[in-house]
C-alpha atoms as a PDB file:
ATOM      1  CA  UNK A   1      36.321  98.936  29.535  1.00  0.00           C
ATOM      2  CA  UNK A   2      36.526  99.843  33.189  1.00  0.00           C
ATOM      3  CA  UNK A   3      37.318  96.362  34.484  1.00  0.00           C
ATOM      4  CA  UNK A   4      37.685  96.008  38.239  1.00  0.00           C
ATOM      5  CA  UNK A   5      40.467  93.451  38.790  1.00  0.00           C
ATOM      6  CA  UNK A   6      39.171  90.587  40.948  1.00  0.00           C
ATOM      7  CA  UNK A   7      42.212  89.599  42.951  1.00  0.00           C
ATOM      8  CA  UNK A   8      41.117  88.628  46.458  1.00  0.00           C
ATOM      9  CA  UNK A   9      38.721  86.400  48.332  1.00  0.00           C
ATOM     10  CA  UNK A  10      37.559  89.483  50.211  1.00  0.00           C
ATOM     11  CA  UNK A  11      36.308  91.037  46.970  1.00  0.00           C
ATOM     12  CA  UNK A  12      34.198  87.937  46.269  1.00  0.00           C
ATOM     13  CA  UNK A  13      32.669  88.259  49.744  1.00  0.00           C
ATOM     14  CA  UNK A  14      31.906  91.916  49.037  1.00  0.00           C
ATOM     15  CA  UNK A  15      30.218  91.034  45.729  1.00  0.00           C
ATOM     16  CA  UNK A  16      28.171  88.396  47.561  1.00  0.00           C
ATOM     17  CA  UNK A  17      26.984  91.083  50.026  1.00  0.00           C
ATOM     18  CA  UNK A  18      26.362  93.898  47.507  1.00  0.00           C
ATOM     19  CA  UNK A  19      22.873  95.083  46.684  1.00  0.00           C
ATOM     20  CA  UNK A  20      22.119  95.539  43.002  1.00  0.00           C
ATOM     21  CA  UNK A  21      23.909  94.107  39.999  1.00  0.00           C
ATOM     22  CA  UNK A  22      27.496  93.135  39.235  1.00  0.00           C
ATOM     23  CA  UNK A  23      29.141  91.235  36.406  1.00  0.00           C
ATOM     24  CA  UNK A  24      32.074  88.848  36.792  1.00  0.00           C
ATOM     25  CA  UNK A  25      34.037  87.885  33.686  1.00  0.00           C
ATOM     26  CA  UNK A  26      36.400  84.924  34.131  1.00  0.00           C
ATOM     27  CA  UNK A  27      39.163  84.913  31.529  1.00  0.00           C
ATOM     28  CA  UNK A  28      42.075  82.670  30.624  1.00  0.00           C
ATOM     29  CA  UNK A  29      44.904  84.460  28.844  1.00  0.00           C
ATOM     30  CA  UNK A  30      45.931  81.092  27.352  1.00  0.00           C
ATOM     31  CA  UNK A  31      42.643  80.513  25.547  1.00  0.00           C
ATOM     32  CA  UNK A  32      41.687  81.939  22.149  1.00  0.00           C
ATOM     33  CA  UNK A  33      37.969  81.406  22.845  1.00  0.00           C
ATOM     34  CA  UNK A  34      38.326  83.406  26.036  1.00  0.00           C
ATOM     35  CA  UNK A  35      40.074  86.217  24.169  1.00  0.00           C
ATOM     36  CA  UNK A  36      37.284  86.358  21.570  1.00  0.00           C
ATOM     37  CA  UNK A  37      34.614  86.437  24.297  1.00  0.00           C
ATOM     38  CA  UNK A  38      36.460  89.241  26.088  1.00  0.00           C
ATOM     39  CA  UNK A  39      36.605  91.279  22.883  1.00  0.00           C
ATOM     40  CA  UNK A  40      32.856  90.795  22.305  1.00  0.00           C
ATOM     41  CA  UNK A  41      32.124  92.007  25.840  1.00  0.00           C
ATOM     42  CA  UNK A  42      34.358  95.042  25.364  1.00  0.00           C
ATOM     43  CA  UNK A  43      32.749  95.875  21.999  1.00  0.00           C
ATOM     44  CA  UNK A  44      29.317  96.026  23.672  1.00  0.00           C
ATOM     45  CA  UNK A  45      30.478  98.068  26.646  1.00  0.00           C
ATOM     46  CA  UNK A  46      28.420 101.146  25.685  1.00  0.00           C
ATOM     47  CA  UNK A  47      25.215  99.130  26.156  1.00  0.00           C
ATOM     48  CA  UNK A  48      25.951  98.439  29.833  1.00  0.00           C
ATOM     49  CA  UNK A  49      24.269 100.642  32.451  1.00  0.00           C
ATOM     50  CA  UNK A  50      26.304 103.399  34.121  1.00  0.00           C
ATOM     51  CA  UNK A  51      27.704 102.460  37.510  1.00  0.00           C
ATOM     52  CA  UNK A  52      27.566  98.705  36.952  1.00  0.00           C
ATOM     53  CA  UNK A  53      30.442  96.927  38.702  1.00  0.00           C
ATOM     54  CA  UNK A  54      32.262  94.805  36.096  1.00  0.00           C
ATOM     55  CA  UNK A  55      34.898  92.490  37.563  1.00  0.00           C
ATOM     56  CA  UNK A  56      37.673  90.782  35.610  1.00  0.00           C
ATOM     57  CA  UNK A  57      39.207  87.554  36.912  1.00  0.00           C
ATOM     58  CA  UNK A  58      42.497  86.305  35.448  1.00  0.00           C
ATOM     59  CA  UNK A  59      42.051  82.556  35.894  1.00  0.00           C
ATOM     60  CA  UNK A  60      45.715  81.751  35.418  1.00  0.00           C
ATOM     61  CA  UNK A  61      46.780  83.984  38.312  1.00  0.00           C
ATOM     62  CA  UNK A  62      43.763  83.419  40.551  1.00  0.00           C
ATOM     63  CA  UNK A  63      42.366  79.898  40.191  1.00  0.00           C
ATOM     64  CA  UNK A  64      41.680  79.914  43.945  1.00  0.00           C
ATOM     65  CA  UNK A  65      39.303  82.854  43.514  1.00  0.00           C
ATOM     66  CA  UNK A  66      37.565  81.049  40.643  1.00  0.00           C
ATOM     67  CA  UNK A  67      37.056  78.080  42.960  1.00  0.00           C
ATOM     68  CA  UNK A  68      35.560  80.406  45.565  1.00  0.00           C
ATOM     69  CA  UNK A  69      33.172  81.830  42.933  1.00  0.00           C
ATOM     70  CA  UNK A  70      32.076  78.286  42.046  1.00  0.00           C
ATOM     71  CA  UNK A  71      31.326  77.603  45.699  1.00  0.00           C
ATOM     72  CA  UNK A  72      29.767  80.951  46.674  1.00  0.00           C
ATOM     73  CA  UNK A  73      27.592  81.429  43.570  1.00  0.00           C
ATOM     74  CA  UNK A  74      26.749  77.731  42.940  1.00  0.00           C
ATOM     75  CA  UNK A  75      27.997  77.592  39.342  1.00  0.00           C
ATOM     76  CA  UNK A  76      30.217  75.173  37.450  1.00  0.00           C
ATOM     77  CA  UNK A  77      33.684  76.380  36.490  1.00  0.00           C
ATOM     78  CA  UNK A  78      33.923  77.466  32.870  1.00  0.00           C
ATOM     79  CA  UNK A  79      36.425  79.529  30.945  1.00  0.00           C
ATOM     80  CA  UNK A  80      35.554  81.975  29.628  1.00  0.00           C
ATOM     81  CA  UNK A  81      32.546  82.651  31.807  1.00  0.00           C
ATOM     82  CA  UNK A  82      30.314  85.648  32.457  1.00  0.00           C
ATOM     83  CA  UNK A  83      28.153  85.800  35.570  1.00  0.00           C
ATOM     84  CA  UNK A  84      25.471  88.352  36.355  1.00  0.00           C
ATOM     85  CA  UNK A  85      25.067  88.762  40.094  1.00  0.00           C
ATOM     86  CA  UNK A  86      21.998  90.382  41.662  1.00  0.00           C
ATOM     87  CA  UNK A  87      21.848  91.006  45.407  1.00  0.00           C
ATOM     88  CA  UNK A  88      24.523  88.371  46.009  1.00  0.00           C
ATOM     89  CA  UNK A  89      22.990  85.632  43.836  1.00  0.00           C
ATOM     90  CA  UNK A  90      24.017  84.506  40.357  1.00  0.00           C
ATOM     91  CA  UNK A  91      21.039  85.063  38.067  1.00  0.00           C
ATOM     92  CA  UNK A  92      22.787  84.399  34.737  1.00  0.00           C
ATOM     93  CA  UNK A  93      25.730  82.136  33.908  1.00  0.00           C
ATOM     94  CA  UNK A  94      27.125  82.203  30.366  1.00  0.00           C
ATOM     95  CA  UNK A  95      30.184  80.529  28.928  1.00  0.00           C
ATOM     96  CA  UNK A  96      32.217  80.205  25.751  1.00  0.00           C
ATOM     97  CA  UNK A  97      30.329  81.252  22.594  1.00  0.00           C
ATOM     98  CA  UNK A  98      27.160  81.768  24.648  1.00  0.00           C
ATOM     99  CA  UNK A  99      28.521  84.904  26.282  1.00  0.00           C
ATOM    100  CA  UNK A 100      26.225  87.749  25.268  1.00  0.00           C
ATOM    101  CA  UNK A 101      26.070  91.260  26.706  1.00  0.00           C
ATOM    102  CA  UNK A 102      22.657  91.621  25.050  1.00  0.00           C
ATOM    103  CA  UNK A 103      21.314  88.698  27.090  1.00  0.00           C
ATOM    104  CA  UNK A 104      23.083  89.939  30.222  1.00  0.00           C
ATOM    105  CA  UNK A 105      21.446  93.350  29.825  1.00  0.00           C
ATOM    106  CA  UNK A 106      18.040  91.686  29.421  1.00  0.00           C
ATOM    107  CA  UNK A 107      18.190  90.446  33.029  1.00  0.00           C
ATOM    108  CA  UNK A 108      19.300  93.831  34.438  1.00  0.00           C
ATOM    109  CA  UNK A 109      15.929  95.235  35.424  1.00  0.00           C
END
């Protein structure tokens, strides 16, 4: 998977200003549920469109960035969590066992 590490507040601002689609995956390395969700996302990678920006946020190292995501995209904090962003707005928010690349792809149109 070609994860883009999400490591700065500036990157969140850039995602908020981007046209088109992006995905943010928030992951806790201390959580087995998060690890299983990450593996499911990686197994379905080939179904994702070419050129889609897929960001990976390590919640343990960057809780401040997670808090910024909560504020900027008007979502509740969850871990694990997958967000689909379109033109700077969150159009799909999934968490825990509800994380589905199939559903995420269904909103990419």
